[in-house]
Amino acid sequence: MSSTDMVDRAETKSSDRSGPTRIAGLLRHLGEAGPGGARLSALAEATGLPAPTALRLLRALVAEDLVDLDSTTKTYRLGLGLFRLAAKAGNPLGLRDLARPALLRLTGALGETVFLLVRSGYDAVCIDRTAGPLPIRSFTGDIGGRVMLGLGQGAMAILAYLPADEQEAVIRYNLPRIRDVTSLDEAFLHTEIARTRQIGYCAAASGLIPGMAGLGVPILDADGRAVAALSVGSTVDRLAGERRNAIASMLRREAAGITARLNPFDETLRRAGAAMERSDP
């Protein structure tokens, strides 16, 4: 066997052993590349893979419809097959199916943008959104956006309805991250947790995004632990006074309806906490 063949075989075995990690790296960089996609050379450089290895993995992903290849520009993009998988992954507990009518009702009645957030370890992820007529900026942005628990009304509503030991673990982990982007401190977080539990919703931290405000209410499991949240994003002037109270009541009513339809035996109810435990420092 030639030395070249030996190197090729060694490289192939190494690639196979860490294949999932390398594939994840390619998909991640393709996602960051956006709709324009990326060429093989750029992907190989970004992931630190030899070009032949990157090409072999990309061809496998194209064959599975997870990546598309534009034969004209020689660029790769995320494929529709990956979108279909992501849509299924983005529906934990069947929440999107359960909550979609509520989101449509709220947006139709209020003319506001409504978000469905689900807990994911130390964060909350937006898994659905119905847009009102006003342009709204939020911490999560569109579907798939992620925000730290405790930052923003929906994420605070989830944090407030976790068991005390989990709250403290989240605060310990997230506080340095929150301080990187805001002036909020630990006293604020504890104060808002107490206030949210007292009134049943969160309207704190309005104005962190200039001109924007929000309301968030938790979606609870059978044990009273938050697994998700409904939130409304709007402008400061539209979430003031009695209208704010009325919107909070509507959100709480819809959240209670979703809670009543959750399957209490669904194992995925515990996945969010498990994700936190795996990354607990």
C-alpha atoms as a PDB file:
ATOM      1  CA  MET A   1       0.000   0.000   0.000  1.00  0.00           C
ATOM      2  CA  SER A   2       1.361   3.398  -0.953  1.00  0.00           C
ATOM      3  CA  SER A   3       1.894   6.168   1.595  1.00  0.00           C
ATOM      4  CA  THR A   4      -0.767   8.229  -0.199  1.00  0.00           C
ATOM      5  CA  ASP A   5      -3.325   5.434   0.196  1.00  0.00           C
ATOM      6  CA  MET A   6      -2.449   5.142   3.887  1.00  0.00           C
ATOM      7  CA  VAL A   7      -2.970   8.874   4.433  1.00  0.00           C
ATOM      8  CA  ASP A   8      -6.274   8.771   2.556  1.00  0.00           C
ATOM      9  CA  ARG A   9      -7.517   5.843   4.631  1.00  0.00           C
ATOM     10  CA  ALA A  10      -6.424   7.455   7.893  1.00  0.00           C
ATOM     11  CA  GLU A  11      -8.148  10.692   6.933  1.00  0.00           C
ATOM     12  CA  THR A  12     -11.328   8.843   5.995  1.00  0.00           C
ATOM     13  CA  LYS A  13     -11.394   6.963   9.305  1.00  0.00           C
ATOM     14  CA  SER A  14     -10.800  10.195  11.232  1.00  0.00           C
ATOM     15  CA  SER A  15     -13.575  11.907   9.304  1.00  0.00           C
ATOM     16  CA  ASP A  16     -15.983   9.040   9.968  1.00  0.00           C
ATOM     17  CA  ARG A  17     -15.295   9.061  13.704  1.00  0.00           C
ATOM     18  CA  SER A  18     -16.136  12.767  14.020  1.00  0.00           C
ATOM     19  CA  GLY A  19     -18.617  12.842  11.163  1.00  0.00           C
ATOM     20  CA  PRO A  20     -21.594  14.207  13.129  1.00  0.00           C
ATOM     21  CA  THR A  21     -19.516  17.074  14.505  1.00  0.00           C
ATOM     22  CA  ARG A  22     -18.171  17.953  11.074  1.00  0.00           C
ATOM     23  CA  ILE A  23     -21.614  17.759   9.476  1.00  0.00           C
ATOM     24  CA  ALA A  24     -23.011  19.992  12.211  1.00  0.00           C
ATOM     25  CA  GLY A  25     -20.226  22.491  11.542  1.00  0.00           C
ATOM     26  CA  LEU A  26     -21.022  22.588   7.831  1.00  0.00           C
ATOM     27  CA  LEU A  27     -24.736  23.075   8.465  1.00  0.00           C
ATOM     28  CA  ARG A  28     -24.053  25.771  11.039  1.00  0.00           C
ATOM     29  CA  HIS A  29     -21.820  27.733   8.667  1.00  0.00           C
ATOM     30  CA  LEU A  30     -24.336  27.347   5.855  1.00  0.00           C
ATOM     31  CA  GLY A  31     -26.976  28.806   8.141  1.00  0.00           C
ATOM     32  CA  GLU A  32     -24.729  31.748   8.930  1.00  0.00           C
ATOM     33  CA  ALA A  33     -23.999  32.258   5.234  1.00  0.00           C
ATOM     34  CA  GLY A  34     -27.637  33.203   4.617  1.00  0.00           C
ATOM     35  CA  PRO A  35     -29.614  32.936   1.388  1.00  0.00           C
ATOM     36  CA  GLY A  36     -26.561  33.559  -0.793  1.00  0.00           C
ATOM     37  CA  GLY A  37     -25.011  30.315   0.374  1.00  0.00           C
ATOM     38  CA  ALA A  38     -21.300  29.515   0.371  1.00  0.00           C
ATOM     39  CA  ARG A  39     -18.782  27.860  -1.907  1.00  0.00           C
ATOM     40  CA  LEU A  40     -16.837  24.731  -1.033  1.00  0.00           C
ATOM     41  CA  SER A  41     -13.587  26.612  -0.421  1.00  0.00           C
ATOM     42  CA  ALA A  42     -15.229  28.986   2.065  1.00  0.00           C
ATOM     43  CA  LEU A  43     -16.940  26.154   3.930  1.00  0.00           C
ATOM     44  CA  ALA A  44     -13.754  24.117   4.121  1.00  0.00           C
ATOM     45  CA  GLU A  45     -11.863  27.096   5.507  1.00  0.00           C
ATOM     46  CA  ALA A  46     -14.597  28.003   8.011  1.00  0.00           C
ATOM     47  CA  THR A  47     -14.844  24.464   9.382  1.00  0.00           C
ATOM     48  CA  GLY A  48     -11.159  23.608   9.197  1.00  0.00           C
ATOM     49  CA  LEU A  49     -11.872  20.599   7.001  1.00  0.00           C
ATOM     50  CA  PRO A  50      -9.769  19.455   4.057  1.00  0.00           C
ATOM     51  CA  ALA A  51     -11.598  20.350   0.861  1.00  0.00           C
ATOM     52  CA  PRO A  52     -12.043  16.677  -0.205  1.00  0.00           C
ATOM     53  CA  THR A  53     -13.607  15.850   3.174  1.00  0.00           C
ATOM     54  CA  ALA A  54     -15.919  18.853   3.054  1.00  0.00           C
ATOM     55  CA  LEU A  55     -16.941  17.924  -0.496  1.00  0.00           C
ATOM     56  CA  ARG A  56     -17.704  14.336   0.481  1.00  0.00           C
ATOM     57  CA  LEU A  57     -19.873  15.444   3.410  1.00  0.00           C
ATOM     58  CA  LEU A  58     -21.664  18.079   1.348  1.00  0.00           C
ATOM     59  CA  ARG A  59     -22.463  15.550  -1.385  1.00  0.00           C
ATOM     60  CA  ALA A  60     -24.009  13.276   1.245  1.00  0.00           C
ATOM     61  CA  LEU A  61     -26.090  16.162   2.588  1.00  0.00           C
ATOM     62  CA  VAL A  62     -27.231  17.096  -0.924  1.00  0.00           C
ATOM     63  CA  ALA A  63     -28.282  13.483  -1.532  1.00  0.00           C
ATOM     64  CA  GLU A  64     -30.450  13.631   1.611  1.00  0.00           C
ATOM     65  CA  ASP A  65     -32.039  16.956   0.552  1.00  0.00           C
ATOM     66  CA  LEU A  66     -30.552  18.682   3.596  1.00  0.00           C
ATOM     67  CA  VAL A  67     -28.352  20.921   1.445  1.00  0.00           C
ATOM     68  CA  ASP A  68     -28.916  22.350  -2.036  1.00  0.00           C
ATOM     69  CA  LEU A  69     -26.196  22.884  -4.638  1.00  0.00           C
ATOM     70  CA  ASP A  70     -26.534  25.625  -7.215  1.00  0.00           C
ATOM     71  CA  SER A  71     -24.754  24.074 -10.173  1.00  0.00           C
ATOM     72  CA  THR A  72     -24.367  27.458 -11.883  1.00  0.00           C
ATOM     73  CA  THR A  73     -22.697  29.368  -9.053  1.00  0.00           C
ATOM     74  CA  LYS A  74     -21.249  26.287  -7.308  1.00  0.00           C
ATOM     75  CA  THR A  75     -22.682  27.482  -4.005  1.00  0.00           C
ATOM     76  CA  TYR A  76     -24.301  25.409  -1.290  1.00  0.00           C
ATOM     77  CA  ARG A  77     -27.392  26.423   0.709  1.00  0.00           C
ATOM     78  CA  LEU A  78     -29.500  24.804   3.418  1.00  0.00           C
ATOM     79  CA  GLY A  79     -32.094  22.548   1.766  1.00  0.00           C
ATOM     80  CA  LEU A  80     -35.826  22.159   2.189  1.00  0.00           C
ATOM     81  CA  GLY A  81     -35.366  18.759   3.807  1.00  0.00           C
ATOM     82  CA  LEU A  82     -33.620  20.448   6.716  1.00  0.00           C
ATOM     83  CA  PHE A  83     -36.470  22.959   6.956  1.00  0.00           C
ATOM     84  CA  ARG A  84     -38.981  20.131   7.239  1.00  0.00           C
ATOM     85  CA  LEU A  85     -36.978  18.520  10.034  1.00  0.00           C
ATOM     86  CA  ALA A  86     -36.593  21.865  11.810  1.00  0.00           C
ATOM     87  CA  ALA A  87     -40.339  22.436  11.678  1.00  0.00           C
ATOM     88  CA  LYS A  88     -40.871  19.140  13.501  1.00  0.00           C
ATOM     89  CA  ALA A  89     -38.135  19.892  16.038  1.00  0.00           C
ATOM     90  CA  GLY A  90     -39.674  23.308  16.630  1.00  0.00           C
ATOM     91  CA  ASN A  91     -42.928  21.802  17.867  1.00  0.00           C
ATOM     92  CA  PRO A  92     -42.043  20.415  21.312  1.00  0.00           C
ATOM     93  CA  LEU A  93     -45.008  19.237  23.374  1.00  0.00           C
ATOM     94  CA  GLY A  94     -47.183  19.865  20.312  1.00  0.00           C
ATOM     95  CA  LEU A  95     -47.155  23.495  21.426  1.00  0.00           C
ATOM     96  CA  ARG A  96     -47.245  25.031  17.989  1.00  0.00           C
ATOM     97  CA  ASP A  97     -50.326  23.055  17.081  1.00  0.00           C
ATOM     98  CA  LEU A  98     -52.004  23.781  20.407  1.00  0.00           C
ATOM     99  CA  ALA A  99     -51.094  27.450  20.524  1.00  0.00           C
ATOM    100  CA  ARG A 100     -51.558  28.490  16.906  1.00  0.00           C
ATOM    101  CA  PRO A 101     -55.298  29.262  17.255  1.00  0.00           C
ATOM    102  CA  ALA A 102     -54.559  31.333  20.360  1.00  0.00           C
ATOM    103  CA  LEU A 103     -51.898  33.358  18.548  1.00  0.00           C
ATOM    104  CA  LEU A 104     -54.259  34.022  15.657  1.00  0.00           C
ATOM    105  CA  ARG A 105     -57.077  35.040  18.000  1.00  0.00           C
ATOM    106  CA  LEU A 106     -54.851  37.416  19.935  1.00  0.00           C
ATOM    107  CA  THR A 107     -53.385  39.078  16.862  1.00  0.00           C
ATOM    108  CA  GLY A 108     -56.823  39.331  15.264  1.00  0.00           C
ATOM    109  CA  ALA A 109     -58.394  40.872  18.367  1.00  0.00           C
ATOM    110  CA  LEU A 110     -55.526  43.173  19.337  1.00  0.00           C
ATOM    111  CA  GLY A 111     -53.713  43.979  16.109  1.00  0.00           C
ATOM    112  CA  GLU A 112     -50.456  43.134  17.877  1.00  0.00           C
ATOM    113  CA  THR A 113     -47.542  40.786  17.213  1.00  0.00           C
ATOM    114  CA  VAL A 114     -47.722  37.673  19.398  1.00  0.00           C
ATOM    115  CA  PHE A 115     -44.869  35.263  20.145  1.00  0.00           C
ATOM    116  CA  LEU A 116     -44.791  31.681  21.388  1.00  0.00           C
ATOM    117  CA  LEU A 117     -41.587  30.972  23.320  1.00  0.00           C
ATOM    118  CA  VAL A 118     -40.480  27.594  24.621  1.00  0.00           C
ATOM    119  CA  ARG A 119     -37.851  26.991  27.239  1.00  0.00           C
ATOM    120  CA  SER A 120     -34.556  25.542  26.060  1.00  0.00           C
ATOM    121  CA  GLY A 121     -32.116  25.145  28.942  1.00  0.00           C
ATOM    122  CA  TYR A 122     -30.993  28.617  30.022  1.00  0.00           C
ATOM    123  CA  ASP A 123     -32.767  30.276  27.095  1.00  0.00           C
ATOM    124  CA  ALA A 124     -36.159  30.720  25.491  1.00  0.00           C
ATOM    125  CA  VAL A 125     -36.638  30.077  21.774  1.00  0.00           C
ATOM    126  CA  CYS A 126     -39.367  31.568  19.587  1.00  0.00           C
ATOM    127  CA  ILE A 127     -41.152  28.666  17.863  1.00  0.00           C
ATOM    128  CA  ASP A 128     -44.102  30.607  16.437  1.00  0.00           C
ATOM    129  CA  ARG A 129     -45.148  34.173  15.755  1.00  0.00           C
ATOM    130  CA  THR A 130     -48.170  36.001  14.350  1.00  0.00           C
ATOM    131  CA  ALA A 131     -47.424  39.481  13.088  1.00  0.00           C
ATOM    132  CA  GLY A 132     -49.556  42.560  13.639  1.00  0.00           C
ATOM    133  CA  PRO A 133     -49.557  45.562  11.296  1.00  0.00           C
ATOM    134  CA  LEU A 134     -46.906  47.524  13.223  1.00  0.00           C
ATOM    135  CA  PRO A 135     -43.180  46.895  12.687  1.00  0.00           C
ATOM    136  CA  ILE A 136     -41.908  45.393  15.934  1.00  0.00           C
ATOM    137  CA  ARG A 137     -38.386  44.739  17.173  1.00  0.00           C
ATOM    138  CA  SER A 138     -37.849  42.105  19.845  1.00  0.00           C
ATOM    139  CA  PHE A 139     -35.051  40.187  21.538  1.00  0.00           C
ATOM    140  CA  THR A 140     -36.003  36.960  19.762  1.00  0.00           C
ATOM    141  CA  GLY A 141     -36.793  38.481  16.362  1.00  0.00           C
ATOM    142  CA  ASP A 142     -38.431  35.928  14.115  1.00  0.00           C
ATOM    143  CA  ILE A 143     -39.129  32.214  14.536  1.00  0.00           C
ATOM    144  CA  GLY A 144     -35.964  30.455  15.680  1.00  0.00           C
ATOM    145  CA  GLY A 145     -34.664  33.444  17.614  1.00  0.00           C
ATOM    146  CA  ARG A 146     -33.212  32.802  21.063  1.00  0.00           C
ATOM    147  CA  VAL A 147     -33.139  34.970  24.186  1.00  0.00           C
ATOM    148  CA  MET A 148     -31.726  34.422  27.670  1.00  0.00           C
ATOM    149  CA  LEU A 149     -34.229  33.538  30.398  1.00  0.00           C
ATOM    150  CA  GLY A 150     -34.828  36.733  32.350  1.00  0.00           C
ATOM    151  CA  LEU A 151     -34.334  39.080  29.397  1.00  0.00           C
ATOM    152  CA  GLY A 152     -37.602  40.212  27.858  1.00  0.00           C
ATOM    153  CA  GLN A 153     -41.125  39.672  29.061  1.00  0.00           C
ATOM    154  CA  GLY A 154     -41.772  36.159  27.723  1.00  0.00           C
ATOM    155  CA  ALA A 155     -38.417  34.840  28.923  1.00  0.00           C
ATOM    156  CA  MET A 156     -38.956  36.448  32.344  1.00  0.00           C
ATOM    157  CA  ALA A 157     -42.422  34.879  32.597  1.00  0.00           C
ATOM    158  CA  ILE A 158     -40.828  31.457  32.087  1.00  0.00           C
ATOM    159  CA  LEU A 159     -38.068  32.136  34.633  1.00  0.00           C
ATOM    160  CA  ALA A 160     -40.551  33.329  37.255  1.00  0.00           C
ATOM    161  CA  TYR A 161     -42.459  30.053  37.192  1.00  0.00           C
ATOM    162  CA  LEU A 162     -39.527  27.665  37.560  1.00  0.00           C
ATOM    163  CA  PRO A 163     -38.719  25.988  40.878  1.00  0.00           C
ATOM    164  CA  ALA A 164     -36.542  28.145  43.136  1.00  0.00           C
ATOM    165  CA  ASP A 165     -33.403  26.017  42.697  1.00  0.00           C
ATOM    166  CA  GLU A 166     -33.697  26.178  38.909  1.00  0.00           C
ATOM    167  CA  GLN A 167     -34.267  29.929  39.057  1.00  0.00           C
ATOM    168  CA  GLU A 168     -31.060  30.413  40.996  1.00  0.00           C
ATOM    169  CA  ALA A 169     -29.109  28.196  38.607  1.00  0.00           C
ATOM    170  CA  VAL A 170     -30.435  30.163  35.630  1.00  0.00           C
ATOM    171  CA  ILE A 171     -29.670  33.523  37.249  1.00  0.00           C
ATOM    172  CA  ARG A 172     -26.147  32.424  38.162  1.00  0.00           C
ATOM    173  CA  TYR A 173     -25.488  31.322  34.590  1.00  0.00           C
ATOM    174  CA  ASN A 174     -27.319  34.099  32.728  1.00  0.00           C
ATOM    175  CA  LEU A 175     -26.443  37.165  34.792  1.00  0.00           C
ATOM    176  CA  PRO A 176     -23.009  37.709  33.166  1.00  0.00           C
ATOM    177  CA  ARG A 177     -24.605  37.237  29.745  1.00  0.00           C
ATOM    178  CA  ILE A 178     -27.392  39.697  30.526  1.00  0.00           C
ATOM    179  CA  ARG A 179     -24.897  42.267  31.846  1.00  0.00           C
ATOM    180  CA  ASP A 180     -23.082  42.107  28.531  1.00  0.00           C
ATOM    181  CA  VAL A 181     -26.104  43.597  26.741  1.00  0.00           C
ATOM    182  CA  THR A 182     -28.046  45.535  29.410  1.00  0.00           C
ATOM    183  CA  SER A 183     -27.641  47.323  32.728  1.00  0.00           C
ATOM    184  CA  LEU A 184     -29.947  44.874  34.525  1.00  0.00           C
ATOM    185  CA  ASP A 185     -28.636  43.352  37.749  1.00  0.00           C
ATOM    186  CA  GLU A 186     -29.478  40.476  40.069  1.00  0.00           C
ATOM    187  CA  ALA A 187     -31.716  42.612  42.281  1.00  0.00           C
ATOM    188  CA  PHE A 188     -33.822  43.512  39.243  1.00  0.00           C
ATOM    189  CA  LEU A 189     -34.214  39.858  38.267  1.00  0.00           C
ATOM    190  CA  HIS A 190     -35.339  38.801  41.755  1.00  0.00           C
ATOM    191  CA  THR A 191     -37.703  41.774  42.029  1.00  0.00           C
ATOM    192  CA  GLU A 192     -39.337  41.004  38.686  1.00  0.00           C
ATOM    193  CA  ILE A 193     -39.629  37.303  39.455  1.00  0.00           C
ATOM    194  CA  ALA A 194     -41.563  38.179  42.604  1.00  0.00           C
ATOM    195  CA  ARG A 195     -43.705  40.777  40.829  1.00  0.00           C
ATOM    196  CA  THR A 196     -44.474  38.448  37.909  1.00  0.00           C
ATOM    197  CA  ARG A 197     -45.646  35.727  40.269  1.00  0.00           C
ATOM    198  CA  GLN A 198     -47.728  38.241  42.201  1.00  0.00           C
ATOM    199  CA  ILE A 199     -49.648  39.659  39.216  1.00  0.00           C
ATOM    200  CA  GLY A 200     -49.404  36.662  36.882  1.00  0.00           C
ATOM    201  CA  TYR A 201     -47.619  38.351  33.993  1.00  0.00           C
ATOM    202  CA  CYS A 202     -44.446  40.272  33.171  1.00  0.00           C
ATOM    203  CA  ALA A 203     -44.355  43.778  31.747  1.00  0.00           C
ATOM    204  CA  ALA A 204     -40.857  44.613  32.970  1.00  0.00           C
ATOM    205  CA  ALA A 205     -37.898  45.998  31.081  1.00  0.00           C
ATOM    206  CA  SER A 206     -40.005  47.934  28.601  1.00  0.00           C
ATOM    207  CA  GLY A 207     -37.770  50.400  26.798  1.00  0.00           C
ATOM    208  CA  LEU A 208     -34.637  48.209  26.623  1.00  0.00           C
ATOM    209  CA  ILE A 209     -35.337  48.287  22.910  1.00  0.00           C
ATOM    210  CA  PRO A 210     -36.148  51.979  22.297  1.00  0.00           C
ATOM    211  CA  GLY A 211     -39.865  52.562  21.809  1.00  0.00           C
ATOM    212  CA  MET A 212     -40.773  48.891  22.277  1.00  0.00           C
ATOM    213  CA  ALA A 213     -42.701  47.242  25.093  1.00  0.00           C
ATOM    214  CA  GLY A 214     -44.144  43.814  25.803  1.00  0.00           C
ATOM    215  CA  LEU A 215     -46.206  41.546  28.017  1.00  0.00           C
ATOM    216  CA  GLY A 216     -45.485  37.907  28.790  1.00  0.00           C
ATOM    217  CA  VAL A 217     -47.403  35.139  30.554  1.00  0.00           C
ATOM    218  CA  PRO A 218     -46.231  31.595  31.326  1.00  0.00           C
ATOM    219  CA  ILE A 219     -47.620  28.379  29.916  1.00  0.00           C
ATOM    220  CA  LEU A 220     -47.474  25.871  32.758  1.00  0.00           C
ATOM    221  CA  ASP A 221     -47.346  22.105  32.941  1.00  0.00           C
ATOM    222  CA  ALA A 222     -49.467  20.025  35.320  1.00  0.00           C
ATOM    223  CA  ASP A 223     -47.037  20.758  38.192  1.00  0.00           C
ATOM    224  CA  GLY A 224     -47.187  24.518  37.719  1.00  0.00           C
ATOM    225  CA  ARG A 225     -43.724  24.714  36.131  1.00  0.00           C
ATOM    226  CA  ALA A 226     -43.296  27.008  33.126  1.00  0.00           C
ATOM    227  CA  VAL A 227     -42.456  25.220  29.891  1.00  0.00           C
ATOM    228  CA  ALA A 228     -43.273  28.085  27.529  1.00  0.00           C
ATOM    229  CA  ALA A 229     -44.751  31.576  27.327  1.00  0.00           C
ATOM    230  CA  LEU A 230     -47.063  33.746  25.264  1.00  0.00           C
ATOM    231  CA  SER A 231     -45.940  37.313  24.774  1.00  0.00           C
ATOM    232  CA  VAL A 232     -47.134  40.416  22.969  1.00  0.00           C
ATOM    233  CA  GLY A 233     -44.691  42.845  21.422  1.00  0.00           C
ATOM    234  CA  SER A 234     -45.823  46.389  20.736  1.00  0.00           C
ATOM    235  CA  THR A 235     -44.927  50.040  21.209  1.00  0.00           C
ATOM    236  CA  VAL A 236     -44.710  51.686  24.619  1.00  0.00           C
ATOM    237  CA  ASP A 237     -47.774  53.872  24.052  1.00  0.00           C
ATOM    238  CA  ARG A 238     -49.964  50.893  23.014  1.00  0.00           C
ATOM    239  CA  LEU A 239     -49.152  48.863  26.141  1.00  0.00           C
ATOM    240  CA  ALA A 240     -50.077  51.426  28.774  1.00  0.00           C
ATOM    241  CA  GLY A 241     -52.852  51.856  31.322  1.00  0.00           C
ATOM    242  CA  GLU A 242     -56.034  49.827  31.125  1.00  0.00           C
ATOM    243  CA  ARG A 243     -55.176  48.411  27.720  1.00  0.00           C
ATOM    244  CA  ARG A 244     -52.134  46.736  29.220  1.00  0.00           C
ATOM    245  CA  ASN A 245     -54.285  45.124  31.914  1.00  0.00           C
ATOM    246  CA  ALA A 246     -56.830  43.952  29.341  1.00  0.00           C
ATOM    247  CA  ILE A 247     -54.118  42.432  27.148  1.00  0.00           C
ATOM    248  CA  ALA A 248     -52.593  40.679  30.151  1.00  0.00           C
ATOM    249  CA  SER A 249     -55.981  39.136  30.993  1.00  0.00           C
ATOM    250  CA  MET A 250     -56.415  37.907  27.419  1.00  0.00           C
ATOM    251  CA  LEU A 251     -52.936  36.374  27.376  1.00  0.00           C
ATOM    252  CA  ARG A 252     -53.500  34.634  30.703  1.00  0.00           C
ATOM    253  CA  ARG A 253     -56.806  33.195  29.502  1.00  0.00           C
ATOM    254  CA  GLU A 254     -55.252  31.821  26.312  1.00  0.00           C
ATOM    255  CA  ALA A 255     -52.238  30.428  28.205  1.00  0.00           C
ATOM    256  CA  ALA A 256     -54.546  28.652  30.655  1.00  0.00           C
ATOM    257  CA  GLY A 257     -56.383  27.091  27.735  1.00  0.00           C
ATOM    258  CA  ILE A 258     -53.128  25.768  26.288  1.00  0.00           C
ATOM    259  CA  THR A 259     -52.031  24.441  29.689  1.00  0.00           C
ATOM    260  CA  ALA A 260     -55.296  22.506  30.008  1.00  0.00           C
ATOM    261  CA  ARG A 261     -54.590  20.691  26.746  1.00  0.00           C
ATOM    262  CA  LEU A 262     -50.944  19.756  27.388  1.00  0.00           C
ATOM    263  CA  ASN A 263     -50.265  16.055  27.767  1.00  0.00           C
ATOM    264  CA  PRO A 264     -49.026  15.634  31.367  1.00  0.00           C
ATOM    265  CA  PHE A 265     -47.323  12.338  30.482  1.00  0.00           C
ATOM    266  CA  ASP A 266     -45.238  13.800  27.650  1.00  0.00           C
ATOM    267  CA  GLU A 267     -41.557  13.034  28.337  1.00  0.00           C
ATOM    268  CA  THR A 268     -40.501  16.154  26.431  1.00  0.00           C
ATOM    269  CA  LEU A 269     -41.810  18.257  29.327  1.00  0.00           C
ATOM    270  CA  ARG A 270     -38.552  17.488  31.123  1.00  0.00           C
ATOM    271  CA  ARG A 271     -36.155  18.028  28.222  1.00  0.00           C
ATOM    272  CA  ALA A 272     -35.665  21.746  28.830  1.00  0.00           C
ATOM    273  CA  GLY A 273     -34.476  21.192  32.373  1.00  0.00           C
ATOM    274  CA  ALA A 274     -32.323  18.288  31.287  1.00  0.00           C
ATOM    275  CA  ALA A 275     -30.604  20.514  28.730  1.00  0.00           C
ATOM    276  CA  MET A 276     -29.766  22.964  31.504  1.00  0.00           C
ATOM    277  CA  GLU A 277     -28.380  20.236  33.730  1.00  0.00           C
ATOM    278  CA  ARG A 278     -26.066  18.978  30.983  1.00  0.00           C
ATOM    279  CA  SER A 279     -24.517  22.427  30.583  1.00  0.00           C
ATOM    280  CA  ASP A 280     -24.554  23.452  34.247  1.00  0.00           C
ATOM    281  CA  PRO A 281     -21.124  24.834  35.095  1.00  0.00           C
END
